[in-house]
Amino acid sequence: MLGYRIDVQGPIKTLRRVKMTPESPKQTPTMVVTTPAATRTILIVDDDPSVTETFERMLRLEGYHVVTALSAEAGLNQAERSHPHAIILDLRMPLVDGLQFLRTLRSKDELSRMPVAIVTGDYFLDDSVSRELRGLGAEVRFKPLWLEDLLALARNLLKQP
């Protein structure tokens, strides 16, 4: 059976997946174990609060630090403030869509090399949009994303094993 344990060392809190056995102690061991994910920040930008909350919860359970934004404009502001290590971005949003977000992000020197994945429920992307997204260095994934898919995407964006 798998469970989760929170390890704390100063300001760093690490959530780890651990194997639970009937003999497992009820108290958290004093040994602190950190994971590479614990120091990595991922920004999720999606206008659907249920998507941002779900992605945030799944990534936090794996130990990532997650920040969210419900619009492209808020996402750009958050990216400038928090300088995340990667961004998971919805393509279809009102006012400013994911493609325009990506264009703007790439035009900012300090954010231009940030790894970005576009996640969309639109399975029939126009070829020119697809080419531009890839030309701007974004990975494209389609919703729904299952837990394993989201974690693999995060690891790939952050180039973790």
C-alpha atoms as a PDB file:
ATOM      1  CA  MET A   1       0.000   0.000   0.000  1.00  0.00           C
ATOM      2  CA  LEU A   2       1.338   3.468  -0.865  1.00  0.00           C
ATOM      3  CA  GLY A   3       1.006   6.452   1.409  1.00  0.00           C
ATOM      4  CA  TYR A   4       2.460   9.933   1.650  1.00  0.00           C
ATOM      5  CA  ARG A   5       4.754  11.473   4.237  1.00  0.00           C
ATOM      6  CA  ILE A   6       5.757  15.097   4.725  1.00  0.00           C
ATOM      7  CA  ASP A   7       9.395  15.691   5.645  1.00  0.00           C
ATOM      8  CA  VAL A   8      10.366  19.129   6.893  1.00  0.00           C
ATOM      9  CA  GLN A   9      13.829  20.648   6.929  1.00  0.00           C
ATOM     10  CA  GLY A  10      13.828  24.395   7.567  1.00  0.00           C
ATOM     11  CA  PRO A  11      11.630  26.102   4.967  1.00  0.00           C
ATOM     12  CA  ILE A  12      11.657  23.073   2.656  1.00  0.00           C
ATOM     13  CA  LYS A  13       8.705  20.735   2.952  1.00  0.00           C
ATOM     14  CA  THR A  14       8.923  17.588   0.902  1.00  0.00           C
ATOM     15  CA  LEU A  15       5.990  15.290   0.253  1.00  0.00           C
ATOM     16  CA  ARG A  16       7.190  11.774  -0.476  1.00  0.00           C
ATOM     17  CA  ARG A  17       5.387   8.689  -1.634  1.00  0.00           C
ATOM     18  CA  VAL A  18       6.275   5.832   0.697  1.00  0.00           C
ATOM     19  CA  LYS A  19       5.390   2.164   0.871  1.00  0.00           C
ATOM     20  CA  MET A  20       3.259   1.477   3.923  1.00  0.00           C
ATOM     21  CA  THR A  21       3.268  -1.885   5.661  1.00  0.00           C
ATOM     22  CA  PRO A  22       1.338  -3.068   8.721  1.00  0.00           C
ATOM     23  CA  GLU A  23       4.616  -2.689  10.638  1.00  0.00           C
ATOM     24  CA  SER A  24       5.079   0.967   9.517  1.00  0.00           C
ATOM     25  CA  PRO A  25       5.263   3.305  12.487  1.00  0.00           C
ATOM     26  CA  LYS A  26       2.428   5.773  12.904  1.00  0.00           C
ATOM     27  CA  GLN A  27       4.931   8.542  13.699  1.00  0.00           C
ATOM     28  CA  THR A  28       6.915  10.223  10.948  1.00  0.00           C
ATOM     29  CA  PRO A  29      10.569   9.165  11.118  1.00  0.00           C
ATOM     30  CA  THR A  30      13.048  11.890  11.999  1.00  0.00           C
ATOM     31  CA  MET A  31      15.140  11.206   8.911  1.00  0.00           C
ATOM     32  CA  VAL A  32      14.627  13.916   6.292  1.00  0.00           C
ATOM     33  CA  VAL A  33      14.651  12.953   2.646  1.00  0.00           C
ATOM     34  CA  THR A  34      14.413  15.543  -0.101  1.00  0.00           C
ATOM     35  CA  THR A  35      13.618  14.907  -3.728  1.00  0.00           C
ATOM     36  CA  PRO A  36      14.741  16.895  -6.777  1.00  0.00           C
ATOM     37  CA  ALA A  37      11.105  17.866  -7.337  1.00  0.00           C
ATOM     38  CA  ALA A  38      10.966  19.665  -3.971  1.00  0.00           C
ATOM     39  CA  THR A  39      13.048  22.548  -5.256  1.00  0.00           C
ATOM     40  CA  ARG A  40      11.395  22.818  -8.671  1.00  0.00           C
ATOM     41  CA  THR A  41       8.575  25.273  -9.361  1.00  0.00           C
ATOM     42  CA  ILE A  42       5.943  24.690 -12.041  1.00  0.00           C
ATOM     43  CA  LEU A  43       3.494  27.382 -13.149  1.00  0.00           C
ATOM     44  CA  ILE A  44       0.094  26.160 -14.330  1.00  0.00           C
ATOM     45  CA  VAL A  45      -1.903  28.606 -16.470  1.00  0.00           C
ATOM     46  CA  ASP A  46      -5.466  27.581 -17.306  1.00  0.00           C
ATOM     47  CA  ASP A  47      -8.743  29.513 -17.227  1.00  0.00           C
ATOM     48  CA  ASP A  48     -10.576  26.467 -15.820  1.00  0.00           C
ATOM     49  CA  PRO A  49     -10.158  26.455 -12.016  1.00  0.00           C
ATOM     50  CA  SER A  50     -10.885  22.719 -11.803  1.00  0.00           C
ATOM     51  CA  VAL A  51      -7.970  21.981 -14.164  1.00  0.00           C
ATOM     52  CA  THR A  52      -5.524  24.222 -12.296  1.00  0.00           C
ATOM     53  CA  GLU A  53      -6.596  22.767  -8.935  1.00  0.00           C
ATOM     54  CA  THR A  54      -6.331  19.175 -10.169  1.00  0.00           C
ATOM     55  CA  PHE A  55      -2.930  19.658 -11.808  1.00  0.00           C
ATOM     56  CA  GLU A  56      -1.696  21.577  -8.770  1.00  0.00           C
ATOM     57  CA  ARG A  57      -2.812  18.862  -6.361  1.00  0.00           C
ATOM     58  CA  MET A  58      -1.276  16.040  -8.422  1.00  0.00           C
ATOM     59  CA  LEU A  59       2.068  17.828  -8.823  1.00  0.00           C
ATOM     60  CA  ARG A  60       2.217  18.892  -5.158  1.00  0.00           C
ATOM     61  CA  LEU A  61       1.677  15.277  -4.100  1.00  0.00           C
ATOM     62  CA  GLU A  62       4.820  14.430  -6.039  1.00  0.00           C
ATOM     63  CA  GLY A  63       6.760  17.168  -4.258  1.00  0.00           C
ATOM     64  CA  TYR A  64       6.760  19.990  -6.801  1.00  0.00           C
ATOM     65  CA  HIS A  65       6.226  23.587  -5.750  1.00  0.00           C
ATOM     66  CA  VAL A  66       3.274  24.803  -7.837  1.00  0.00           C
ATOM     67  CA  VAL A  67       1.959  28.272  -8.612  1.00  0.00           C
ATOM     68  CA  THR A  68      -1.172  28.864 -10.664  1.00  0.00           C
ATOM     69  CA  ALA A  69      -2.861  31.536 -12.743  1.00  0.00           C
ATOM     70  CA  LEU A  70      -6.385  31.606 -14.204  1.00  0.00           C
ATOM     71  CA  SER A  71      -5.577  33.838 -17.198  1.00  0.00           C
ATOM     72  CA  ALA A  72      -2.705  34.413 -19.581  1.00  0.00           C
ATOM     73  CA  GLU A  73      -2.128  37.923 -18.227  1.00  0.00           C
ATOM     74  CA  ALA A  74      -1.998  36.663 -14.627  1.00  0.00           C
ATOM     75  CA  GLY A  75       0.279  33.842 -15.804  1.00  0.00           C
ATOM     76  CA  LEU A  76       2.750  36.252 -17.393  1.00  0.00           C
ATOM     77  CA  ASN A  77       2.806  38.331 -14.211  1.00  0.00           C
ATOM     78  CA  GLN A  78       3.304  35.192 -12.121  1.00  0.00           C
ATOM     79  CA  ALA A  79       6.122  34.011 -14.410  1.00  0.00           C
ATOM     80  CA  GLU A  80       7.900  37.348 -14.034  1.00  0.00           C
ATOM     81  CA  ARG A  81       7.478  37.270 -10.243  1.00  0.00           C
ATOM     82  CA  SER A  82       8.267  33.646  -9.446  1.00  0.00           C
ATOM     83  CA  HIS A  83      10.543  32.604 -12.354  1.00  0.00           C
ATOM     84  CA  PRO A  84       9.242  29.004 -12.415  1.00  0.00           C
ATOM     85  CA  HIS A  85      11.366  26.206 -13.785  1.00  0.00           C
ATOM     86  CA  ALA A  86       8.603  25.182 -16.230  1.00  0.00           C
ATOM     87  CA  ILE A  87       5.115  26.181 -17.367  1.00  0.00           C
ATOM     88  CA  ILE A  88       2.103  24.029 -18.210  1.00  0.00           C
ATOM     89  CA  LEU A  89      -0.239  26.176 -20.260  1.00  0.00           C
ATOM     90  CA  ASP A  90      -3.749  25.881 -21.679  1.00  0.00           C
ATOM     91  CA  LEU A  91      -4.061  26.796 -25.346  1.00  0.00           C
ATOM     92  CA  ARG A  92      -7.669  28.018 -25.407  1.00  0.00           C
ATOM     93  CA  MET A  93      -8.249  30.905 -22.988  1.00  0.00           C
ATOM     94  CA  PRO A  94     -10.340  34.065 -23.345  1.00  0.00           C
ATOM     95  CA  LEU A  95      -8.761  37.412 -24.274  1.00  0.00           C
ATOM     96  CA  VAL A  96      -5.147  36.206 -24.531  1.00  0.00           C
ATOM     97  CA  ASP A  97      -4.727  32.590 -25.620  1.00  0.00           C
ATOM     98  CA  GLY A  98      -1.842  30.230 -24.921  1.00  0.00           C
ATOM     99  CA  LEU A  99      -0.166  30.961 -28.251  1.00  0.00           C
ATOM    100  CA  GLN A 100      -0.040  34.703 -27.562  1.00  0.00           C
ATOM    101  CA  PHE A 101       1.156  33.961 -24.010  1.00  0.00           C
ATOM    102  CA  LEU A 102       3.999  31.899 -25.470  1.00  0.00           C
ATOM    103  CA  ARG A 103       4.923  34.600 -27.996  1.00  0.00           C
ATOM    104  CA  THR A 104       5.075  37.181 -25.208  1.00  0.00           C
ATOM    105  CA  LEU A 105       7.047  34.869 -22.914  1.00  0.00           C
ATOM    106  CA  ARG A 106       9.624  34.183 -25.628  1.00  0.00           C
ATOM    107  CA  SER A 107      10.061  37.934 -26.220  1.00  0.00           C
ATOM    108  CA  LYS A 108      11.230  38.478 -22.622  1.00  0.00           C
ATOM    109  CA  ASP A 109      14.957  37.824 -22.257  1.00  0.00           C
ATOM    110  CA  GLU A 110      14.780  36.475 -18.697  1.00  0.00           C
ATOM    111  CA  LEU A 111      11.929  34.064 -19.546  1.00  0.00           C
ATOM    112  CA  SER A 112      12.683  33.184 -23.163  1.00  0.00           C
ATOM    113  CA  ARG A 113      14.250  29.772 -22.469  1.00  0.00           C
ATOM    114  CA  MET A 114      11.705  28.541 -19.968  1.00  0.00           C
ATOM    115  CA  PRO A 115      10.352  25.056 -20.813  1.00  0.00           C
ATOM    116  CA  VAL A 116       6.663  25.189 -21.744  1.00  0.00           C
ATOM    117  CA  ALA A 117       4.052  22.553 -22.460  1.00  0.00           C
ATOM    118  CA  ILE A 118       0.775  23.453 -24.126  1.00  0.00           C
ATOM    119  CA  VAL A 119      -2.128  21.314 -22.931  1.00  0.00           C
ATOM    120  CA  THR A 120      -5.333  21.434 -24.933  1.00  0.00           C
ATOM    121  CA  GLY A 121      -8.578  19.586 -25.402  1.00  0.00           C
ATOM    122  CA  ASP A 122      -8.576  20.683 -29.057  1.00  0.00           C
ATOM    123  CA  TYR A 123      -7.476  17.529 -30.907  1.00  0.00           C
ATOM    124  CA  PHE A 124      -7.609  19.187 -34.326  1.00  0.00           C
ATOM    125  CA  LEU A 125      -5.052  21.969 -34.214  1.00  0.00           C
ATOM    126  CA  ASP A 126      -4.485  23.948 -37.367  1.00  0.00           C
ATOM    127  CA  ASP A 127      -1.141  22.946 -38.936  1.00  0.00           C
ATOM    128  CA  SER A 128       0.163  26.510 -38.818  1.00  0.00           C
ATOM    129  CA  VAL A 129      -0.654  26.776 -35.093  1.00  0.00           C
ATOM    130  CA  SER A 130       1.018  23.427 -34.422  1.00  0.00           C
ATOM    131  CA  ARG A 131       4.141  24.479 -36.321  1.00  0.00           C
ATOM    132  CA  GLU A 132       4.310  27.813 -34.518  1.00  0.00           C
ATOM    133  CA  LEU A 133       3.913  26.189 -31.094  1.00  0.00           C
ATOM    134  CA  ARG A 134       6.727  23.776 -31.819  1.00  0.00           C
ATOM    135  CA  GLY A 135       8.808  26.572 -33.366  1.00  0.00           C
ATOM    136  CA  LEU A 136       8.421  28.493 -30.115  1.00  0.00           C
ATOM    137  CA  GLY A 137       9.720  25.434 -28.271  1.00  0.00           C
ATOM    138  CA  ALA A 138       6.509  24.178 -26.673  1.00  0.00           C
ATOM    139  CA  GLU A 139       5.577  20.560 -26.205  1.00  0.00           C
ATOM    140  CA  VAL A 140       1.945  19.857 -27.076  1.00  0.00           C
ATOM    141  CA  ARG A 141      -0.210  17.435 -25.066  1.00  0.00           C
ATOM    142  CA  PHE A 142      -3.920  16.697 -25.227  1.00  0.00           C
ATOM    143  CA  LYS A 143      -6.449  16.600 -22.383  1.00  0.00           C
ATOM    144  CA  PRO A 144      -7.332  14.651 -20.439  1.00  0.00           C
ATOM    145  CA  LEU A 145      -3.943  14.045 -18.839  1.00  0.00           C
ATOM    146  CA  TRP A 146      -3.806  11.156 -16.400  1.00  0.00           C
ATOM    147  CA  LEU A 147      -1.546  11.326 -13.362  1.00  0.00           C
ATOM    148  CA  GLU A 148       1.245   9.338 -15.019  1.00  0.00           C
ATOM    149  CA  ASP A 149       1.067  11.542 -18.136  1.00  0.00           C
ATOM    150  CA  LEU A 150       1.217  14.757 -16.107  1.00  0.00           C
ATOM    151  CA  LEU A 151       4.156  13.530 -14.031  1.00  0.00           C
ATOM    152  CA  ALA A 152       6.024  12.355 -17.132  1.00  0.00           C
ATOM    153  CA  LEU A 153       5.384  15.759 -18.729  1.00  0.00           C
ATOM    154  CA  ALA A 154       6.697  17.577 -15.638  1.00  0.00           C
ATOM    155  CA  ARG A 155       9.803  15.374 -15.486  1.00  0.00           C
ATOM    156  CA  ASN A 156      10.425  15.878 -19.201  1.00  0.00           C
ATOM    157  CA  LEU A 157      10.062  19.668 -18.944  1.00  0.00           C
ATOM    158  CA  LEU A 158      12.471  19.673 -16.024  1.00  0.00           C
ATOM    159  CA  LYS A 159      14.678  16.946 -17.544  1.00  0.00           C
ATOM    160  CA  GLN A 160      14.461  14.758 -14.430  1.00  0.00           C
ATOM    161  CA  PRO A 161      14.817  10.968 -14.483  1.00  0.00           C
END
